[in-house]
Amino acid sequence: MNVKVTDDCISCGACESICDSVFSIEDKAVVNESAVADNEDCVKEAADACPVGAIVVE
């Protein structure tokens, strides 16, 4: 699974609150790629919860 955060990110923190082992907020959300494989369900949930659709899961 590949996870990317686009420049549309507004740093609202929703992804971090849902899946803090993968997402952290700096200037925009940052993905901890080494944690994605073990947390695929919460990554998908965070992507669905993003208010601006800035999390792309492939």
PDB file of N, CA and C in Angstrom:
ATOM      1  N   MET A   1       0.850  -1.175   0.000  1.00  0.00           N
ATOM      2  CA  MET A   1       0.000   0.000   0.000  1.00  0.00           C
ATOM      3  C   MET A   1       0.897   1.239   0.000  1.00  0.00           C
ATOM      4  N   ASN A   2       0.616   2.144  -0.895  1.00  0.00           N
ATOM      5  CA  ASN A   2       1.321   3.424  -0.945  1.00  0.00           C
ATOM      6  C   ASN A   2       0.403   4.519  -0.425  1.00  0.00           C
ATOM      7  N   VAL A   3       0.928   5.371   0.430  1.00  0.00           N
ATOM      8  CA  VAL A   3       0.143   6.453   1.023  1.00  0.00           C
ATOM      9  C   VAL A   3       0.877   7.760   0.771  1.00  0.00           C
ATOM     10  N   LYS A   4       0.136   8.732   0.264  1.00  0.00           N
ATOM     11  CA  LYS A   4       0.715  10.042  -0.039  1.00  0.00           C
ATOM     12  C   LYS A   4      -0.224  11.123   0.471  1.00  0.00           C
ATOM     13  N   VAL A   5       0.347  12.211   0.940  1.00  0.00           N
ATOM     14  CA  VAL A   5      -0.439  13.371   1.362  1.00  0.00           C
ATOM     15  C   VAL A   5      -0.184  14.480   0.345  1.00  0.00           C
ATOM     16  N   THR A   6      -1.251  14.976  -0.266  1.00  0.00           N
ATOM     17  CA  THR A   6      -1.116  16.014  -1.288  1.00  0.00           C
ATOM     18  C   THR A   6      -0.974  17.390  -0.644  1.00  0.00           C
ATOM     19  N   ASP A   7      -0.666  18.372  -1.470  1.00  0.00           N
ATOM     20  CA  ASP A   7      -0.539  19.750  -0.994  1.00  0.00           C
ATOM     21  C   ASP A   7      -1.877  20.357  -0.575  1.00  0.00           C
ATOM     22  N   ASP A   8      -2.976  19.633  -0.779  1.00  0.00           N
ATOM     23  CA  ASP A   8      -4.290  20.102  -0.343  1.00  0.00           C
ATOM     24  C   ASP A   8      -4.457  20.008   1.176  1.00  0.00           C
ATOM     25  N   CYS A   9      -3.543  19.313   1.848  1.00  0.00           N
ATOM     26  CA  CYS A   9      -3.625  19.112   3.297  1.00  0.00           C
ATOM     27  C   CYS A   9      -3.734  20.455   4.018  1.00  0.00           C
ATOM     28  N   ILE A  10      -4.691  20.538   4.966  1.00  0.00           N
ATOM     29  CA  ILE A  10      -4.891  21.758   5.751  1.00  0.00           C
ATOM     30  C   ILE A  10      -4.408  21.594   7.199  1.00  0.00           C
ATOM     31  N   SER A  11      -3.706  20.500   7.472  1.00  0.00           N
ATOM     32  CA  SER A  11      -3.136  20.229   8.804  1.00  0.00           C
ATOM     33  C   SER A  11      -4.184  20.244   9.907  1.00  0.00           C
ATOM     34  N   CYS A  12      -5.352  19.683   9.637  1.00  0.00           N
ATOM     35  CA  CYS A  12      -6.431  19.702  10.626  1.00  0.00           C
ATOM     36  C   CYS A  12      -6.206  18.706  11.757  1.00  0.00           C
ATOM     37  N   GLY A  13      -5.402  17.669  11.507  1.00  0.00           N
ATOM     38  CA  GLY A  13      -5.105  16.689  12.544  1.00  0.00           C
ATOM     39  C   GLY A  13      -6.021  15.492  12.600  1.00  0.00           C
ATOM     40  N   ALA A  14      -7.004  15.412  11.715  1.00  0.00           N
ATOM     41  CA  ALA A  14      -7.931  14.279  11.737  1.00  0.00           C
ATOM     42  C   ALA A  14      -7.196  12.960  11.520  1.00  0.00           C
ATOM     43  N   CYS A  15      -6.290  12.924  10.566  1.00  0.00           N
ATOM     44  CA  CYS A  15      -5.568  11.685  10.280  1.00  0.00           C
ATOM     45  C   CYS A  15      -4.723  11.255  11.471  1.00  0.00           C
ATOM     46  N   GLU A  16      -4.075  12.210  12.098  1.00  0.00           N
ATOM     47  CA  GLU A  16      -3.231  11.909  13.257  1.00  0.00           C
ATOM     48  C   GLU A  16      -4.072  11.394  14.421  1.00  0.00           C
ATOM     49  N   SER A  17      -5.256  11.941  14.623  1.00  0.00           N
ATOM     50  CA  SER A  17      -6.096  11.486  15.722  1.00  0.00           C
ATOM     51  C   SER A  17      -6.643  10.081  15.473  1.00  0.00           C
ATOM     52  N   ILE A  18      -6.802   9.704  14.213  1.00  0.00           N
ATOM     53  CA  ILE A  18      -7.310   8.379  13.869  1.00  0.00           C
ATOM     54  C   ILE A  18      -6.188   7.355  13.809  1.00  0.00           C
ATOM     55  N   CYS A  19      -5.039   7.749  13.302  1.00  0.00           N
ATOM     56  CA  CYS A  19      -3.957   6.798  13.038  1.00  0.00           C
ATOM     57  C   CYS A  19      -2.599   7.436  13.335  1.00  0.00           C
ATOM     58  N   ASP A  20      -2.342   7.693  14.616  1.00  0.00           N
ATOM     59  CA  ASP A  20      -1.136   8.435  14.982  1.00  0.00           C
ATOM     60  C   ASP A  20       0.156   7.640  14.813  1.00  0.00           C
ATOM     61  N   SER A  21       0.061   6.334  14.607  1.00  0.00           N
ATOM     62  CA  SER A  21       1.284   5.562  14.357  1.00  0.00           C
ATOM     63  C   SER A  21       1.795   5.783  12.940  1.00  0.00           C
ATOM     64  N   VAL A  22       0.935   6.276  12.053  1.00  0.00           N
ATOM     65  CA  VAL A  22       1.324   6.508  10.657  1.00  0.00           C
ATOM     66  C   VAL A  22       1.421   8.000  10.333  1.00  0.00           C
ATOM     67  N   PHE A  23       0.484   8.805  10.823  1.00  0.00           N
ATOM     68  CA  PHE A  23       0.426  10.223  10.463  1.00  0.00           C
ATOM     69  C   PHE A  23       0.874  11.126  11.595  1.00  0.00           C
ATOM     70  N   SER A  24       1.618  12.155  11.243  1.00  0.00           N
ATOM     71  CA  SER A  24       1.954  13.219  12.186  1.00  0.00           C
ATOM     72  C   SER A  24       1.817  14.540  11.432  1.00  0.00           C
ATOM     73  N   ILE A  25       1.536  15.587  12.190  1.00  0.00           N
ATOM     74  CA  ILE A  25       1.326  16.893  11.576  1.00  0.00           C
ATOM     75  C   ILE A  25       2.568  17.758  11.778  1.00  0.00           C
ATOM     76  N   GLU A  26       3.119  18.221  10.683  1.00  0.00           N
ATOM     77  CA  GLU A  26       4.189  19.212  10.728  1.00  0.00           C
ATOM     78  C   GLU A  26       3.629  20.423   9.980  1.00  0.00           C
ATOM     79  N   ASP A  27       4.208  20.835   8.860  1.00  0.00           N
ATOM     80  CA  ASP A  27       3.572  21.876   8.052  1.00  0.00           C
ATOM     81  C   ASP A  27       2.321  21.312   7.396  1.00  0.00           C
ATOM     82  N   LYS A  28       2.394  20.038   7.065  1.00  0.00           N
ATOM     83  CA  LYS A  28       1.238  19.276   6.598  1.00  0.00           C
ATOM     84  C   LYS A  28       1.419  17.864   7.133  1.00  0.00           C
ATOM     85  N   ALA A  29       0.453  17.004   6.923  1.00  0.00           N
ATOM     86  CA  ALA A  29       0.559  15.638   7.434  1.00  0.00           C
ATOM     87  C   ALA A  29       1.755  14.938   6.800  1.00  0.00           C
ATOM     88  N   VAL A  30       2.452  14.167   7.621  1.00  0.00           N
ATOM     89  CA  VAL A  30       3.609  13.399   7.183  1.00  0.00           C
ATOM     90  C   VAL A  30       3.314  11.929   7.435  1.00  0.00           C
ATOM     91  N   VAL A  31       3.707  11.077   6.489  1.00  0.00           N
ATOM     92  CA  VAL A  31       3.446   9.648   6.572  1.00  0.00           C
ATOM     93  C   VAL A  31       4.694   8.921   7.067  1.00  0.00           C
ATOM     94  N   ASN A  32       4.532   8.121   8.103  1.00  0.00           N
ATOM     95  CA  ASN A  32       5.593   7.231   8.573  1.00  0.00           C
ATOM     96  C   ASN A  32       5.449   5.939   7.769  1.00  0.00           C
ATOM     97  N   GLU A  33       6.146   5.856   6.644  1.00  0.00           N
ATOM     98  CA  GLU A  33       5.952   4.763   5.702  1.00  0.00           C
ATOM     99  C   GLU A  33       6.272   3.398   6.288  1.00  0.00           C
ATOM    100  N   SER A  34       7.168   3.329   7.254  1.00  0.00           N
ATOM    101  CA  SER A  34       7.509   2.038   7.844  1.00  0.00           C
ATOM    102  C   SER A  34       6.373   1.464   8.685  1.00  0.00           C
ATOM    103  N   ALA A  35       5.408   2.288   9.059  1.00  0.00           N
ATOM    104  CA  ALA A  35       4.287   1.830   9.884  1.00  0.00           C
ATOM    105  C   ALA A  35       3.031   1.526   9.077  1.00  0.00           C
ATOM    106  N   VAL A  36       3.030   1.833   7.793  1.00  0.00           N
ATOM    107  CA  VAL A  36       1.814   1.679   6.976  1.00  0.00           C
ATOM    108  C   VAL A  36       1.346   0.229   6.921  1.00  0.00           C
ATOM    109  N   ALA A  37       2.227  -0.701   6.643  1.00  0.00           N
ATOM    110  CA  ALA A  37       1.838  -2.109   6.446  1.00  0.00           C
ATOM    111  C   ALA A  37       1.123  -2.692   7.661  1.00  0.00           C
ATOM    112  N   ASP A  38       1.526  -2.300   8.858  1.00  0.00           N
ATOM    113  CA  ASP A  38       0.912  -2.826  10.072  1.00  0.00           C
ATOM    114  C   ASP A  38      -0.359  -2.087  10.476  1.00  0.00           C
ATOM    115  N   ASN A  39      -0.709  -1.030   9.758  1.00  0.00           N
ATOM    116  CA  ASN A  39      -1.845  -0.180  10.149  1.00  0.00           C
ATOM    117  C   ASN A  39      -2.764   0.156   8.983  1.00  0.00           C
ATOM    118  N   GLU A  40      -2.916  -0.758   8.039  1.00  0.00           N
ATOM    119  CA  GLU A  40      -3.669  -0.449   6.818  1.00  0.00           C
ATOM    120  C   GLU A  40      -5.113  -0.048   7.092  1.00  0.00           C
ATOM    121  N   ASP A  41      -5.762  -0.676   8.065  1.00  0.00           N
ATOM    122  CA  ASP A  41      -7.164  -0.340   8.349  1.00  0.00           C
ATOM    123  C   ASP A  41      -7.313   1.104   8.820  1.00  0.00           C
ATOM    124  N   CYS A  42      -6.457   1.542   9.737  1.00  0.00           N
ATOM    125  CA  CYS A  42      -6.610   2.918  10.219  1.00  0.00           C
ATOM    126  C   CYS A  42      -6.126   3.925   9.178  1.00  0.00           C
ATOM    127  N   VAL A  43      -5.205   3.525   8.289  1.00  0.00           N
ATOM    128  CA  VAL A  43      -4.803   4.417   7.194  1.00  0.00           C
ATOM    129  C   VAL A  43      -5.996   4.688   6.290  1.00  0.00           C
ATOM    130  N   LYS A  44      -6.738   3.638   5.950  1.00  0.00           N
ATOM    131  CA  LYS A  44      -7.928   3.801   5.100  1.00  0.00           C
ATOM    132  C   LYS A  44      -8.982   4.646   5.803  1.00  0.00           C
ATOM    133  N   GLU A  45      -9.150   4.423   7.093  1.00  0.00           N
ATOM    134  CA  GLU A  45     -10.123   5.209   7.860  1.00  0.00           C
ATOM    135  C   GLU A  45      -9.725   6.686   7.885  1.00  0.00           C
ATOM    136  N   ALA A  46      -8.435   6.955   8.073  1.00  0.00           N
ATOM    137  CA  ALA A  46      -7.949   8.332   8.084  1.00  0.00           C
ATOM    138  C   ALA A  46      -8.148   8.994   6.722  1.00  0.00           C
ATOM    139  N   ALA A  47      -7.878   8.248   5.658  1.00  0.00           N
ATOM    140  CA  ALA A  47      -8.069   8.791   4.307  1.00  0.00           C
ATOM    141  C   ALA A  47      -9.537   9.140   4.078  1.00  0.00           C
ATOM    142  N   ASP A  48     -10.433   8.270   4.528  1.00  0.00           N
ATOM    143  CA  ASP A  48     -11.869   8.526   4.373  1.00  0.00           C
ATOM    144  C   ASP A  48     -12.325   9.729   5.202  1.00  0.00           C
ATOM    145  N   ALA A  49     -11.669   9.953   6.339  1.00  0.00           N
ATOM    146  CA  ALA A  49     -12.069  11.039   7.237  1.00  0.00           C
ATOM    147  C   ALA A  49     -11.473  12.392   6.850  1.00  0.00           C
ATOM    148  N   CYS A  50     -10.491  12.406   5.973  1.00  0.00           N
ATOM    149  CA  CYS A  50      -9.841  13.671   5.604  1.00  0.00           C
ATOM    150  C   CYS A  50     -10.862  14.615   4.966  1.00  0.00           C
ATOM    151  N   PRO A  51     -11.043  15.804   5.558  1.00  0.00           N
ATOM    152  CA  PRO A  51     -12.089  16.711   5.053  1.00  0.00           C
ATOM    153  C   PRO A  51     -11.813  17.288   3.672  1.00  0.00           C
ATOM    154  N   VAL A  52     -10.553  17.244   3.240  1.00  0.00           N
ATOM    155  CA  VAL A  52     -10.228  17.802   1.913  1.00  0.00           C
ATOM    156  C   VAL A  52      -9.702  16.733   0.954  1.00  0.00           C
ATOM    157  N   GLY A  53      -9.760  15.463   1.358  1.00  0.00           N
ATOM    158  CA  GLY A  53      -9.335  14.379   0.482  1.00  0.00           C
ATOM    159  C   GLY A  53      -7.851  14.414   0.124  1.00  0.00           C
ATOM    160  N   ALA A  54      -7.026  14.853   1.066  1.00  0.00           N
ATOM    161  CA  ALA A  54      -5.602  15.033   0.782  1.00  0.00           C
ATOM    162  C   ALA A  54      -4.775  13.763   0.938  1.00  0.00           C
ATOM    163  N   ILE A  55      -5.380  12.698   1.474  1.00  0.00           N
ATOM    164  CA  ILE A  55      -4.648  11.446   1.661  1.00  0.00           C
ATOM    165  C   ILE A  55      -4.995  10.508   0.514  1.00  0.00           C
ATOM    166  N   VAL A  56      -3.986  10.130  -0.250  1.00  0.00           N
ATOM    167  CA  VAL A  56      -4.170   9.246  -1.396  1.00  0.00           C
ATOM    168  C   VAL A  56      -3.616   7.878  -1.032  1.00  0.00           C
ATOM    169  N   VAL A  57      -4.458   6.847  -1.123  1.00  0.00           N
ATOM    170  CA  VAL A  57      -4.057   5.480  -0.821  1.00  0.00           C
ATOM    171  C   VAL A  57      -4.141   4.670  -2.109  1.00  0.00           C
ATOM    172  N   GLU A  58      -3.020   4.048  -2.466  1.00  0.00           N
ATOM    173  CA  GLU A  58      -2.991   3.244  -3.691  1.00  0.00           C
ATOM    174  C   GLU A  58      -2.601   1.822  -3.375  1.00  0.00           C
TER     175      GLU A  58
END
